[in-house]
Amino acid sequence: MYPNQSQIDLSGKMIAIIDDDLASLRYFEVLLKTTGASVITFMNGTDVIEFTGRGMKDVDMVLTDYLIPYINGIDCVRQIRKANRTIPVIMITAYFTRESKEEALLAGCNEYILKPIVPEKVLNLLEKYLVNPEFAHLTS
């Protein structure tokens, strides 16, 4: 747990957030910026697909919702995986069925997390995948 979020320094890291809910998007954006990370946001799948067509080499992590307009989160993850096989992709969503979780993991998500998600959990994920990636295979 991080009482002071600035204990994680992600300066030089770029994190993409994909969510059509403006409140969720802003929540993640503000939290991530406290770590020094750069943030790029998308509110629909079409913009994500267009961006991945230009490459994902500058993005270090993706946080995505399941239900987003035009092209859903699963199809976005598949496209992201075509562009970059190793980038950590975390699905953070309020939508849950056993099938949706399995589909997300098969598409290439590293984790499937249910909303609401507290800041400490987000920071733990950042640390796990961006600060100490050698431990990323361990469950959180």
N, C-alpha and C. Protein backbone atom coordinates (compact mmCIF):
# COMPACT_ATOMS: atom_id res chain seq x y z
N MET A 1 0.84 -1.18 0.00
CA MET A 1 0.00 0.00 0.00
C MET A 1 0.88 1.24 0.00
N TYR A 2 0.38 2.29 -0.61
CA TYR A 2 1.15 3.50 -0.76
C TYR A 2 0.42 4.68 -0.14
N PRO A 3 0.81 5.10 1.06
CA PRO A 3 0.17 6.27 1.65
C PRO A 3 0.46 7.53 0.84
N ASN A 4 1.63 7.59 0.23
CA ASN A 4 2.00 8.71 -0.62
C ASN A 4 2.25 8.15 -2.01
N GLN A 5 1.36 8.45 -2.93
CA GLN A 5 1.43 7.84 -4.25
C GLN A 5 2.71 8.18 -5.00
N SER A 6 3.38 9.26 -4.65
CA SER A 6 4.59 9.65 -5.35
C SER A 6 5.76 8.70 -5.07
N GLN A 7 5.57 7.71 -4.21
CA GLN A 7 6.63 6.73 -3.95
C GLN A 7 6.94 5.90 -5.18
N ILE A 8 6.03 5.82 -6.13
CA ILE A 8 6.29 5.12 -7.38
C ILE A 8 6.68 6.18 -8.40
N ASP A 9 7.85 6.03 -8.99
CA ASP A 9 8.30 6.96 -10.01
C ASP A 9 8.22 6.30 -11.37
N LEU A 10 7.26 6.73 -12.16
CA LEU A 10 7.10 6.18 -13.51
C LEU A 10 7.43 7.22 -14.57
N SER A 11 8.31 8.15 -14.22
CA SER A 11 8.76 9.15 -15.19
C SER A 11 9.32 8.42 -16.41
N GLY A 12 8.93 8.88 -17.58
CA GLY A 12 9.40 8.24 -18.80
C GLY A 12 8.51 7.10 -19.28
N LYS A 13 7.52 6.74 -18.50
CA LYS A 13 6.59 5.66 -18.90
C LYS A 13 5.32 6.28 -19.49
N MET A 14 4.76 5.61 -20.48
CA MET A 14 3.51 6.05 -21.12
C MET A 14 2.46 4.97 -20.87
N ILE A 15 1.31 5.40 -20.32
CA ILE A 15 0.22 4.47 -20.03
C ILE A 15 -1.00 4.91 -20.81
N ALA A 16 -1.60 3.98 -21.53
CA ALA A 16 -2.82 4.25 -22.29
C ALA A 16 -4.02 3.81 -21.46
N ILE A 17 -5.03 4.67 -21.42
CA ILE A 17 -6.28 4.36 -20.72
C ILE A 17 -7.40 4.36 -21.75
N ILE A 18 -8.18 3.28 -21.76
CA ILE A 18 -9.30 3.16 -22.70
C ILE A 18 -10.57 2.97 -21.87
N ASP A 19 -11.42 3.99 -21.87
CA ASP A 19 -12.66 3.92 -21.09
C ASP A 19 -13.60 4.99 -21.61
N ASP A 20 -14.87 4.65 -21.81
CA ASP A 20 -15.83 5.62 -22.32
C ASP A 20 -16.52 6.41 -21.20
N ASP A 21 -16.28 6.02 -19.96
CA ASP A 21 -16.85 6.74 -18.81
C ASP A 21 -15.87 7.83 -18.42
N LEU A 22 -16.29 9.09 -18.60
CA LEU A 22 -15.39 10.21 -18.35
C LEU A 22 -14.88 10.25 -16.92
N ALA A 23 -15.74 9.92 -15.95
CA ALA A 23 -15.32 9.93 -14.54
C ALA A 23 -14.22 8.89 -14.31
N SER A 24 -14.37 7.70 -14.86
CA SER A 24 -13.34 6.65 -14.71
C SER A 24 -12.05 7.07 -15.40
N LEU A 25 -12.20 7.63 -16.58
CA LEU A 25 -11.03 8.08 -17.34
C LEU A 25 -10.24 9.12 -16.55
N ARG A 26 -10.92 10.08 -15.98
CA ARG A 26 -10.26 11.13 -15.21
C ARG A 26 -9.65 10.57 -13.92
N TYR A 27 -10.35 9.64 -13.27
CA TYR A 27 -9.83 9.00 -12.05
C TYR A 27 -8.47 8.36 -12.33
N PHE A 28 -8.39 7.54 -13.37
CA PHE A 28 -7.14 6.88 -13.70
C PHE A 28 -6.09 7.89 -14.15
N GLU A 29 -6.49 8.85 -14.93
CA GLU A 29 -5.55 9.85 -15.44
C GLU A 29 -4.90 10.63 -14.29
N VAL A 30 -5.70 11.11 -13.35
CA VAL A 30 -5.17 11.86 -12.22
C VAL A 30 -4.27 10.98 -11.36
N LEU A 31 -4.71 9.77 -11.07
CA LEU A 31 -3.91 8.85 -10.26
C LEU A 31 -2.58 8.53 -10.93
N LEU A 32 -2.61 8.24 -12.21
CA LEU A 32 -1.38 7.87 -12.91
C LEU A 32 -0.41 9.03 -13.02
N LYS A 33 -0.93 10.22 -13.18
CA LYS A 33 -0.04 11.38 -13.29
C LYS A 33 0.68 11.67 -11.98
N THR A 34 0.15 11.21 -10.83
CA THR A 34 0.85 11.40 -9.55
C THR A 34 2.14 10.59 -9.51
N THR A 35 2.27 9.61 -10.39
CA THR A 35 3.47 8.78 -10.43
C THR A 35 4.52 9.35 -11.39
N GLY A 36 4.15 10.39 -12.12
CA GLY A 36 5.07 10.95 -13.11
C GLY A 36 4.90 10.35 -14.49
N ALA A 37 4.01 9.38 -14.64
CA ALA A 37 3.79 8.74 -15.94
C ALA A 37 3.09 9.71 -16.89
N SER A 38 3.35 9.54 -18.16
CA SER A 38 2.59 10.23 -19.19
C SER A 38 1.37 9.37 -19.48
N VAL A 39 0.26 10.02 -19.83
CA VAL A 39 -0.99 9.31 -20.04
C VAL A 39 -1.59 9.70 -21.38
N ILE A 40 -2.08 8.71 -22.10
CA ILE A 40 -2.83 8.95 -23.33
C ILE A 40 -4.19 8.29 -23.12
N THR A 41 -5.26 8.98 -23.50
CA THR A 41 -6.60 8.45 -23.24
C THR A 41 -7.37 8.24 -24.54
N PHE A 42 -8.25 7.24 -24.49
CA PHE A 42 -9.14 6.92 -25.60
C PHE A 42 -10.52 6.64 -25.03
N MET A 43 -11.56 7.14 -25.71
CA MET A 43 -12.92 6.93 -25.24
C MET A 43 -13.70 5.96 -26.12
N ASN A 44 -13.07 5.44 -27.18
CA ASN A 44 -13.75 4.46 -28.03
C ASN A 44 -12.73 3.57 -28.72
N GLY A 45 -13.21 2.43 -29.15
CA GLY A 45 -12.34 1.44 -29.76
C GLY A 45 -11.78 1.84 -31.11
N THR A 46 -12.52 2.63 -31.86
CA THR A 46 -12.05 3.06 -33.18
C THR A 46 -10.76 3.85 -33.06
N ASP A 47 -10.70 4.76 -32.09
CA ASP A 47 -9.48 5.55 -31.89
C ASP A 47 -8.31 4.68 -31.45
N VAL A 48 -8.60 3.66 -30.66
CA VAL A 48 -7.54 2.74 -30.21
C VAL A 48 -6.98 1.98 -31.41
N ILE A 49 -7.85 1.45 -32.24
CA ILE A 49 -7.41 0.68 -33.41
C ILE A 49 -6.59 1.57 -34.34
N GLU A 50 -7.03 2.80 -34.55
CA GLU A 50 -6.27 3.73 -35.38
C GLU A 50 -4.88 3.98 -34.79
N PHE A 51 -4.82 4.17 -33.49
CA PHE A 51 -3.55 4.40 -32.81
C PHE A 51 -2.64 3.18 -32.90
N THR A 52 -3.18 1.97 -32.70
CA THR A 52 -2.33 0.77 -32.75
C THR A 52 -1.79 0.54 -34.15
N GLY A 53 -2.49 1.03 -35.17
CA GLY A 53 -2.01 0.92 -36.54
C GLY A 53 -0.71 1.68 -36.75
N ARG A 54 -0.49 2.70 -35.93
CA ARG A 54 0.76 3.47 -36.00
C ARG A 54 1.83 2.85 -35.10
N GLY A 55 1.47 1.82 -34.35
CA GLY A 55 2.43 1.14 -33.48
C GLY A 55 2.20 1.45 -32.03
N MET A 56 2.63 0.55 -31.19
CA MET A 56 2.47 0.70 -29.74
C MET A 56 3.82 0.80 -29.05
N LYS A 57 4.86 1.13 -29.80
CA LYS A 57 6.20 1.09 -29.23
C LYS A 57 6.43 2.10 -28.12
N ASP A 58 5.66 3.19 -28.10
CA ASP A 58 5.86 4.21 -27.07
C ASP A 58 5.02 3.98 -25.82
N VAL A 59 4.11 3.00 -25.86
CA VAL A 59 3.21 2.74 -24.73
C VAL A 59 3.79 1.61 -23.88
N ASP A 60 3.84 1.83 -22.56
CA ASP A 60 4.41 0.84 -21.65
C ASP A 60 3.36 -0.03 -20.97
N MET A 61 2.10 0.43 -20.94
CA MET A 61 1.02 -0.33 -20.29
C MET A 61 -0.31 0.18 -20.80
N VAL A 62 -1.30 -0.72 -20.84
CA VAL A 62 -2.65 -0.35 -21.25
C VAL A 62 -3.63 -0.76 -20.16
N LEU A 63 -4.51 0.18 -19.77
CA LEU A 63 -5.63 -0.10 -18.89
C LEU A 63 -6.88 0.09 -19.74
N THR A 64 -7.70 -0.95 -19.86
CA THR A 64 -8.86 -0.86 -20.74
C THR A 64 -10.13 -1.36 -20.08
N ASP A 65 -11.23 -0.79 -20.50
CA ASP A 65 -12.55 -1.25 -20.10
C ASP A 65 -12.99 -2.33 -21.09
N TYR A 66 -13.98 -3.10 -20.70
CA TYR A 66 -14.53 -4.15 -21.58
C TYR A 66 -15.53 -3.54 -22.56
N LEU A 67 -16.47 -2.78 -22.02
CA LEU A 67 -17.54 -2.21 -22.85
C LEU A 67 -17.19 -0.78 -23.23
N ILE A 68 -16.72 -0.61 -24.47
CA ILE A 68 -16.44 0.72 -25.00
C ILE A 68 -17.10 0.82 -26.38
N PRO A 69 -17.42 2.03 -26.82
CA PRO A 69 -18.14 2.19 -28.09
C PRO A 69 -17.37 1.74 -29.32
N TYR A 70 -18.14 1.35 -30.32
CA TYR A 70 -17.72 1.03 -31.69
C TYR A 70 -16.97 -0.29 -31.79
N ILE A 71 -15.88 -0.43 -31.08
CA ILE A 71 -15.10 -1.67 -31.09
C ILE A 71 -14.84 -2.01 -29.63
N ASN A 72 -15.29 -3.17 -29.18
CA ASN A 72 -15.21 -3.48 -27.73
C ASN A 72 -13.77 -3.69 -27.26
N GLY A 73 -13.61 -3.72 -25.95
CA GLY A 73 -12.30 -3.87 -25.34
C GLY A 73 -11.57 -5.13 -25.75
N ILE A 74 -12.30 -6.22 -25.94
CA ILE A 74 -11.67 -7.49 -26.35
C ILE A 74 -11.02 -7.35 -27.71
N ASP A 75 -11.75 -6.77 -28.67
CA ASP A 75 -11.17 -6.60 -30.01
C ASP A 75 -10.01 -5.61 -29.99
N CYS A 76 -10.09 -4.61 -29.13
CA CYS A 76 -8.95 -3.69 -28.98
C CYS A 76 -7.72 -4.42 -28.46
N VAL A 77 -7.93 -5.29 -27.48
CA VAL A 77 -6.80 -6.05 -26.92
C VAL A 77 -6.18 -6.92 -28.01
N ARG A 78 -7.00 -7.55 -28.82
CA ARG A 78 -6.46 -8.38 -29.92
C ARG A 78 -5.59 -7.55 -30.86
N GLN A 79 -6.05 -6.34 -31.18
CA GLN A 79 -5.26 -5.46 -32.06
C GLN A 79 -3.98 -4.99 -31.37
N ILE A 80 -4.08 -4.68 -30.10
CA ILE A 80 -2.89 -4.27 -29.35
C ILE A 80 -1.87 -5.40 -29.35
N ARG A 81 -2.34 -6.62 -29.16
CA ARG A 81 -1.44 -7.78 -29.15
C ARG A 81 -0.78 -8.00 -30.50
N LYS A 82 -1.47 -7.67 -31.59
CA LYS A 82 -0.85 -7.79 -32.91
C LYS A 82 0.30 -6.78 -33.05
N ALA A 83 0.13 -5.61 -32.44
CA ALA A 83 1.14 -4.56 -32.54
C ALA A 83 2.27 -4.75 -31.52
N ASN A 84 1.94 -5.34 -30.36
CA ASN A 84 2.93 -5.50 -29.29
C ASN A 84 2.55 -6.69 -28.41
N ARG A 85 3.32 -7.74 -28.47
CA ARG A 85 3.00 -8.98 -27.75
C ARG A 85 3.35 -8.91 -26.26
N THR A 86 4.20 -7.97 -25.86
CA THR A 86 4.72 -8.00 -24.48
C THR A 86 4.17 -6.92 -23.56
N ILE A 87 3.52 -5.92 -24.09
CA ILE A 87 3.01 -4.82 -23.27
C ILE A 87 1.97 -5.34 -22.26
N PRO A 88 2.06 -4.93 -21.00
CA PRO A 88 1.03 -5.35 -20.04
C PRO A 88 -0.32 -4.70 -20.37
N VAL A 89 -1.36 -5.52 -20.44
CA VAL A 89 -2.71 -5.04 -20.72
C VAL A 89 -3.61 -5.51 -19.58
N ILE A 90 -4.20 -4.56 -18.88
CA ILE A 90 -5.06 -4.85 -17.74
C ILE A 90 -6.48 -4.42 -18.08
N MET A 91 -7.42 -5.34 -18.01
CA MET A 91 -8.82 -4.99 -18.22
C MET A 91 -9.42 -4.67 -16.85
N ILE A 92 -9.94 -3.43 -16.73
CA ILE A 92 -10.57 -2.98 -15.49
C ILE A 92 -12.00 -2.60 -15.87
N THR A 93 -12.97 -3.38 -15.40
CA THR A 93 -14.34 -3.23 -15.88
C THR A 93 -15.36 -3.54 -14.79
N ALA A 94 -16.53 -3.01 -14.97
CA ALA A 94 -17.65 -3.35 -14.07
C ALA A 94 -18.43 -4.54 -14.63
N TYR A 95 -18.12 -4.93 -15.85
CA TYR A 95 -18.82 -6.02 -16.52
C TYR A 95 -18.15 -7.34 -16.19
N PHE A 96 -18.91 -8.28 -15.66
CA PHE A 96 -18.31 -9.56 -15.33
C PHE A 96 -19.23 -10.73 -15.61
N THR A 97 -18.72 -11.64 -16.37
CA THR A 97 -19.23 -13.00 -16.48
C THR A 97 -17.98 -13.87 -16.56
N ARG A 98 -18.13 -15.11 -16.24
CA ARG A 98 -16.99 -16.02 -16.35
C ARG A 98 -16.49 -16.06 -17.80
N GLU A 99 -17.42 -16.02 -18.74
CA GLU A 99 -17.06 -16.05 -20.15
C GLU A 99 -16.30 -14.80 -20.57
N SER A 100 -16.72 -13.62 -20.07
CA SER A 100 -16.03 -12.39 -20.45
C SER A 100 -14.60 -12.37 -19.91
N LYS A 101 -14.43 -12.87 -18.70
CA LYS A 101 -13.08 -12.93 -18.13
C LYS A 101 -12.20 -13.88 -18.94
N GLU A 102 -12.72 -15.05 -19.27
CA GLU A 102 -11.95 -16.01 -20.07
C GLU A 102 -11.62 -15.43 -21.44
N GLU A 103 -12.60 -14.75 -22.05
CA GLU A 103 -12.38 -14.14 -23.36
C GLU A 103 -11.29 -13.07 -23.29
N ALA A 104 -11.31 -12.27 -22.24
CA ALA A 104 -10.29 -11.22 -22.07
C ALA A 104 -8.90 -11.83 -21.91
N LEU A 105 -8.79 -12.85 -21.09
CA LEU A 105 -7.49 -13.47 -20.87
C LEU A 105 -6.99 -14.17 -22.14
N LEU A 106 -7.89 -14.82 -22.87
CA LEU A 106 -7.50 -15.45 -24.13
C LEU A 106 -7.10 -14.43 -25.18
N ALA A 107 -7.70 -13.26 -25.15
CA ALA A 107 -7.36 -12.20 -26.11
C ALA A 107 -5.98 -11.62 -25.84
N GLY A 108 -5.50 -11.79 -24.60
CA GLY A 108 -4.16 -11.31 -24.29
C GLY A 108 -4.04 -10.40 -23.08
N CYS A 109 -5.12 -10.24 -22.32
CA CYS A 109 -5.03 -9.43 -21.10
C CYS A 109 -4.18 -10.15 -20.06
N ASN A 110 -3.38 -9.39 -19.36
CA ASN A 110 -2.60 -9.96 -18.27
C ASN A 110 -3.46 -10.17 -17.03
N GLU A 111 -4.44 -9.28 -16.84
CA GLU A 111 -5.32 -9.38 -15.68
C GLU A 111 -6.69 -8.85 -16.04
N TYR A 112 -7.70 -9.31 -15.28
CA TYR A 112 -9.10 -8.89 -15.44
C TYR A 112 -9.56 -8.48 -14.05
N ILE A 113 -9.76 -7.18 -13.84
CA ILE A 113 -10.05 -6.63 -12.52
C ILE A 113 -11.43 -5.96 -12.57
N LEU A 114 -12.19 -6.13 -11.50
CA LEU A 114 -13.51 -5.52 -11.44
C LEU A 114 -13.47 -4.15 -10.79
N LYS A 115 -14.27 -3.22 -11.35
CA LYS A 115 -14.47 -1.90 -10.75
C LYS A 115 -15.47 -2.05 -9.62
N PRO A 116 -15.45 -1.20 -8.65
CA PRO A 116 -14.51 -0.09 -8.49
C PRO A 116 -13.16 -0.61 -8.01
N ILE A 117 -12.12 0.10 -8.36
CA ILE A 117 -10.77 -0.29 -7.98
C ILE A 117 -10.14 0.85 -7.18
N VAL A 118 -9.64 0.51 -6.02
CA VAL A 118 -9.06 1.53 -5.13
C VAL A 118 -7.67 1.93 -5.62
N PRO A 119 -7.23 3.14 -5.29
CA PRO A 119 -5.92 3.61 -5.76
C PRO A 119 -4.77 2.65 -5.43
N GLU A 120 -4.79 2.06 -4.25
CA GLU A 120 -3.70 1.16 -3.85
C GLU A 120 -3.59 -0.03 -4.79
N LYS A 121 -4.72 -0.54 -5.27
CA LYS A 121 -4.70 -1.68 -6.20
C LYS A 121 -4.10 -1.25 -7.54
N VAL A 122 -4.48 -0.07 -8.02
CA VAL A 122 -3.91 0.45 -9.27
C VAL A 122 -2.40 0.61 -9.12
N LEU A 123 -1.98 1.20 -8.01
CA LEU A 123 -0.55 1.40 -7.77
C LEU A 123 0.20 0.08 -7.65
N ASN A 124 -0.43 -0.91 -7.04
CA ASN A 124 0.19 -2.24 -6.96
C ASN A 124 0.37 -2.83 -8.36
N LEU A 125 -0.61 -2.65 -9.24
CA LEU A 125 -0.49 -3.14 -10.62
C LEU A 125 0.63 -2.41 -11.36
N LEU A 126 0.73 -1.11 -11.17
CA LEU A 126 1.80 -0.35 -11.80
C LEU A 126 3.17 -0.84 -11.34
N GLU A 127 3.27 -1.05 -10.04
CA GLU A 127 4.54 -1.55 -9.50
C GLU A 127 4.84 -2.94 -10.05
N LYS A 128 3.85 -3.78 -10.06
CA LYS A 128 4.03 -5.17 -10.52
C LYS A 128 4.51 -5.24 -11.97
N TYR A 129 3.92 -4.44 -12.85
CA TYR A 129 4.23 -4.56 -14.27
C TYR A 129 5.27 -3.57 -14.80
N LEU A 130 5.43 -2.44 -14.12
CA LEU A 130 6.36 -1.43 -14.64
C LEU A 130 7.59 -1.20 -13.79
N VAL A 131 7.49 -1.44 -12.48
CA VAL A 131 8.63 -1.23 -11.60
C VAL A 131 9.37 -2.55 -11.37
N ASN A 132 8.62 -3.61 -11.10
CA ASN A 132 9.21 -4.93 -10.83
C ASN A 132 8.64 -5.98 -11.77
N PRO A 133 8.84 -5.83 -13.09
CA PRO A 133 8.21 -6.77 -14.03
C PRO A 133 8.70 -8.21 -13.89
N GLU A 134 9.83 -8.40 -13.23
CA GLU A 134 10.31 -9.77 -13.03
C GLU A 134 9.37 -10.56 -12.12
N PHE A 135 8.49 -9.86 -11.37
CA PHE A 135 7.53 -10.53 -10.48
C PHE A 135 6.13 -10.56 -11.08
N ALA A 136 5.96 -10.12 -12.31
CA ALA A 136 4.63 -9.99 -12.92
C ALA A 136 3.93 -11.34 -13.06
N HIS A 137 4.66 -12.41 -13.12
CA HIS A 137 4.02 -13.71 -13.27
C HIS A 137 3.35 -14.17 -11.97
N LEU A 138 3.68 -13.54 -10.86
CA LEU A 138 3.07 -13.89 -9.58
C LEU A 138 1.69 -13.28 -9.49
N THR A 139 0.77 -13.94 -8.83
CA THR A 139 -0.59 -13.40 -8.70
C THR A 139 -0.58 -12.24 -7.72
N SER A 140 -1.53 -11.30 -7.94
CA SER A 140 -1.60 -10.13 -7.06
C SER A 140 -2.56 -10.37 -5.94
